[in-house]
Amino acid sequence: MKGMDEVGRLFNNNELIVAEVLQSAEAMKAAVSHLEQFMEKADAQNKGKMILATVKATSTTSARTWSRSSSGTTATRS
């Protein structure tokens, strides 16, 4: 959705912090929940596939790596 695309763009440009991204996601979730009553229900046979994935690193490790890479230093694993 365009609104969340903009949130992602702002976060990538370091104009939003994680807390603001999460707040935006909660607002989007509430809006979609409200609008669902006005949307057409699709036939269950027409549903697509869902892919689930996980990230091996913890959020702390990911944040540390991101912080190092955005500050111009090289992050390496030993």
N, C-alpha and C. Protein backbone atom coordinates (compact mmCIF):
# COMPACT_ATOMS: atom_id res chain seq x y z
N MET A 1 0.84 -1.16 0.00
CA MET A 1 0.00 0.00 0.00
C MET A 1 0.90 1.24 0.00
N LYS A 2 0.43 2.25 -0.66
CA LYS A 2 1.25 3.45 -0.87
C LYS A 2 1.71 4.10 0.42
N GLY A 3 0.87 4.11 1.44
CA GLY A 3 1.24 4.73 2.70
C GLY A 3 2.42 4.03 3.36
N MET A 4 2.38 2.71 3.36
CA MET A 4 3.48 1.96 3.97
C MET A 4 4.73 2.01 3.09
N ASP A 5 4.56 2.15 1.78
CA ASP A 5 5.71 2.36 0.90
C ASP A 5 6.44 3.65 1.28
N GLU A 6 5.67 4.68 1.59
CA GLU A 6 6.26 5.96 1.99
C GLU A 6 6.96 5.82 3.34
N VAL A 7 6.37 5.08 4.26
CA VAL A 7 7.00 4.84 5.56
C VAL A 7 8.34 4.13 5.34
N GLY A 8 8.35 3.13 4.47
CA GLY A 8 9.59 2.42 4.18
C GLY A 8 10.64 3.33 3.57
N ARG A 9 10.22 4.21 2.68
CA ARG A 9 11.14 5.15 2.04
C ARG A 9 11.74 6.09 3.08
N LEU A 10 10.91 6.61 3.95
CA LEU A 10 11.38 7.52 4.99
C LEU A 10 12.33 6.82 5.96
N PHE A 11 12.01 5.57 6.30
CA PHE A 11 12.88 4.81 7.21
C PHE A 11 14.23 4.56 6.53
N ASN A 12 14.22 4.19 5.26
CA ASN A 12 15.47 3.95 4.54
C ASN A 12 16.32 5.21 4.42
N ASN A 13 15.67 6.37 4.43
CA ASN A 13 16.39 7.65 4.36
C ASN A 13 16.73 8.20 5.75
N ASN A 14 16.56 7.35 6.77
CA ASN A 14 16.83 7.73 8.17
C ASN A 14 16.00 8.93 8.63
N GLU A 15 14.79 9.05 8.10
CA GLU A 15 13.89 10.12 8.52
C GLU A 15 12.87 9.62 9.54
N LEU A 16 12.79 8.31 9.74
CA LEU A 16 11.91 7.71 10.75
C LEU A 16 12.72 6.72 11.57
N ILE A 17 12.32 6.53 12.82
CA ILE A 17 12.95 5.51 13.65
C ILE A 17 12.01 4.31 13.74
N VAL A 18 12.52 3.21 14.26
CA VAL A 18 11.75 1.97 14.32
C VAL A 18 10.41 2.16 15.03
N ALA A 19 10.40 2.91 16.12
CA ALA A 19 9.15 3.13 16.87
C ALA A 19 8.09 3.79 15.99
N GLU A 20 8.50 4.71 15.13
CA GLU A 20 7.55 5.37 14.23
C GLU A 20 7.06 4.42 13.14
N VAL A 21 7.93 3.53 12.69
CA VAL A 21 7.52 2.52 11.70
C VAL A 21 6.48 1.59 12.32
N LEU A 22 6.73 1.15 13.55
CA LEU A 22 5.78 0.28 14.23
C LEU A 22 4.45 0.98 14.48
N GLN A 23 4.50 2.25 14.82
CA GLN A 23 3.27 3.02 15.04
C GLN A 23 2.49 3.13 13.72
N SER A 24 3.20 3.33 12.63
CA SER A 24 2.55 3.41 11.31
C SER A 24 1.90 2.08 10.95
N ALA A 25 2.59 0.98 11.26
CA ALA A 25 2.04 -0.35 10.97
C ALA A 25 0.77 -0.60 11.78
N GLU A 26 0.76 -0.19 13.04
CA GLU A 26 -0.43 -0.35 13.88
C GLU A 26 -1.59 0.47 13.33
N ALA A 27 -1.31 1.69 12.89
CA ALA A 27 -2.37 2.54 12.31
C ALA A 27 -2.91 1.91 11.04
N MET A 28 -2.02 1.36 10.21
CA MET A 28 -2.45 0.72 8.97
C MET A 28 -3.31 -0.51 9.28
N LYS A 29 -2.88 -1.28 10.27
CA LYS A 29 -3.63 -2.47 10.67
C LYS A 29 -5.05 -2.10 11.12
N ALA A 30 -5.17 -1.04 11.90
CA ALA A 30 -6.48 -0.59 12.38
C ALA A 30 -7.35 -0.11 11.22
N ALA A 31 -6.74 0.62 10.28
CA ALA A 31 -7.50 1.12 9.13
C ALA A 31 -8.00 -0.03 8.26
N VAL A 32 -7.13 -1.00 7.98
CA VAL A 32 -7.53 -2.14 7.16
C VAL A 32 -8.62 -2.95 7.86
N SER A 33 -8.47 -3.12 9.16
CA SER A 33 -9.47 -3.85 9.93
C SER A 33 -10.85 -3.19 9.80
N HIS A 34 -10.88 -1.87 9.85
CA HIS A 34 -12.13 -1.14 9.70
C HIS A 34 -12.69 -1.28 8.29
N LEU A 35 -11.82 -1.20 7.29
CA LEU A 35 -12.27 -1.23 5.89
C LEU A 35 -12.66 -2.62 5.39
N GLU A 36 -12.23 -3.67 6.07
CA GLU A 36 -12.52 -5.03 5.62
C GLU A 36 -14.01 -5.28 5.47
N GLN A 37 -14.82 -4.66 6.30
CA GLN A 37 -16.27 -4.87 6.23
C GLN A 37 -16.86 -4.38 4.91
N PHE A 38 -16.16 -3.48 4.22
CA PHE A 38 -16.65 -2.94 2.96
C PHE A 38 -16.04 -3.63 1.74
N MET A 39 -15.10 -4.54 1.97
CA MET A 39 -14.43 -5.23 0.87
C MET A 39 -15.18 -6.51 0.52
N GLU A 40 -15.08 -6.89 -0.74
CA GLU A 40 -15.70 -8.14 -1.17
C GLU A 40 -14.90 -9.32 -0.64
N LYS A 41 -15.62 -10.35 -0.25
CA LYS A 41 -14.95 -11.56 0.22
C LYS A 41 -14.62 -12.42 -1.00
N ALA A 42 -13.38 -12.86 -1.10
CA ALA A 42 -12.96 -13.71 -2.21
C ALA A 42 -13.27 -15.17 -1.88
N ASP A 43 -13.52 -15.95 -2.91
CA ASP A 43 -13.74 -17.38 -2.76
C ASP A 43 -12.46 -18.01 -2.21
N ALA A 44 -12.59 -18.91 -1.26
CA ALA A 44 -11.42 -19.52 -0.63
C ALA A 44 -10.53 -20.24 -1.63
N GLN A 45 -11.08 -20.71 -2.73
CA GLN A 45 -10.28 -21.41 -3.73
C GLN A 45 -9.40 -20.46 -4.53
N ASN A 46 -9.67 -19.17 -4.48
CA ASN A 46 -8.91 -18.19 -5.26
C ASN A 46 -7.75 -17.58 -4.48
N LYS A 47 -7.51 -18.05 -3.29
CA LYS A 47 -6.44 -17.47 -2.48
C LYS A 47 -5.08 -17.91 -3.01
N GLY A 48 -4.09 -17.03 -2.85
CA GLY A 48 -2.74 -17.33 -3.32
C GLY A 48 -1.93 -18.10 -2.29
N LYS A 49 -0.64 -18.12 -2.50
CA LYS A 49 0.27 -18.83 -1.61
C LYS A 49 0.87 -17.85 -0.60
N MET A 50 1.26 -18.39 0.54
CA MET A 50 1.90 -17.59 1.57
C MET A 50 3.29 -18.15 1.80
N ILE A 51 4.26 -17.25 1.87
CA ILE A 51 5.63 -17.66 2.13
C ILE A 51 6.05 -17.06 3.47
N LEU A 52 6.56 -17.90 4.35
CA LEU A 52 7.03 -17.45 5.65
C LEU A 52 8.55 -17.58 5.68
N ALA A 53 9.20 -16.63 6.31
CA ALA A 53 10.66 -16.67 6.39
C ALA A 53 11.10 -16.14 7.74
N THR A 54 12.29 -16.50 8.13
CA THR A 54 12.88 -15.98 9.36
C THR A 54 14.25 -15.41 9.05
N VAL A 55 14.75 -14.60 9.97
CA VAL A 55 16.07 -14.02 9.84
C VAL A 55 16.96 -14.68 10.88
N LYS A 56 18.12 -15.13 10.46
CA LYS A 56 19.01 -15.85 11.38
C LYS A 56 19.55 -14.95 12.49
N ALA A 57 19.91 -13.73 12.17
CA ALA A 57 20.49 -12.82 13.16
C ALA A 57 19.40 -12.26 14.07
N THR A 58 19.80 -11.89 15.27
CA THR A 58 18.86 -11.23 16.18
C THR A 58 18.71 -9.78 15.76
N SER A 59 17.70 -9.13 16.28
CA SER A 59 17.49 -7.72 15.94
C SER A 59 18.66 -6.87 16.42
N THR A 60 19.27 -7.24 17.53
CA THR A 60 20.42 -6.50 18.04
C THR A 60 21.60 -6.62 17.07
N THR A 61 21.85 -7.84 16.61
CA THR A 61 22.93 -8.07 15.65
C THR A 61 22.65 -7.32 14.36
N SER A 62 21.42 -7.38 13.89
CA SER A 62 21.05 -6.69 12.66
C SER A 62 21.22 -5.19 12.81
N ALA A 63 20.79 -4.63 13.94
CA ALA A 63 20.91 -3.19 14.17
C ALA A 63 22.38 -2.79 14.25
N ARG A 64 23.19 -3.61 14.90
CA ARG A 64 24.61 -3.31 15.02
C ARG A 64 25.26 -3.32 13.63
N THR A 65 24.93 -4.33 12.82
CA THR A 65 25.48 -4.42 11.48
C THR A 65 25.03 -3.24 10.63
N TRP A 66 23.75 -2.89 10.72
CA TRP A 66 23.22 -1.76 9.96
C TRP A 66 23.90 -0.47 10.40
N SER A 67 24.07 -0.32 11.71
CA SER A 67 24.70 0.89 12.24
C SER A 67 26.13 1.03 11.72
N ARG A 68 26.87 -0.06 11.72
CA ARG A 68 28.24 -0.02 11.24
C ARG A 68 28.29 0.30 9.75
N SER A 69 27.39 -0.33 8.98
CA SER A 69 27.43 -0.13 7.54
C SER A 69 26.98 1.28 7.17
N SER A 70 26.06 1.86 7.94
CA SER A 70 25.59 3.21 7.60
C SER A 70 26.57 4.28 8.07
N SER A 71 27.45 3.92 8.99
CA SER A 71 28.43 4.90 9.47
C SER A 71 29.70 4.89 8.63
N GLY A 72 29.74 4.01 7.63
CA GLY A 72 30.89 3.99 6.73
C GLY A 72 31.94 2.97 7.11
N THR A 73 31.79 2.30 8.27
CA THR A 73 32.75 1.27 8.64
C THR A 73 32.26 -0.06 8.13
N THR A 74 33.14 -1.00 7.99
CA THR A 74 32.77 -2.31 7.47
C THR A 74 32.46 -3.23 8.65
N ALA A 75 31.31 -3.88 8.58
CA ALA A 75 30.93 -4.83 9.62
C ALA A 75 31.33 -6.22 9.15
N THR A 76 32.05 -6.94 9.99
CA THR A 76 32.45 -8.30 9.65
C THR A 76 32.09 -9.22 10.78
N ARG A 77 31.89 -10.48 10.44
CA ARG A 77 31.63 -11.51 11.45
C ARG A 77 32.88 -12.32 11.64
N SER A 78 33.19 -12.67 12.87
CA SER A 78 34.35 -13.52 13.13
C SER A 78 33.92 -14.93 13.41
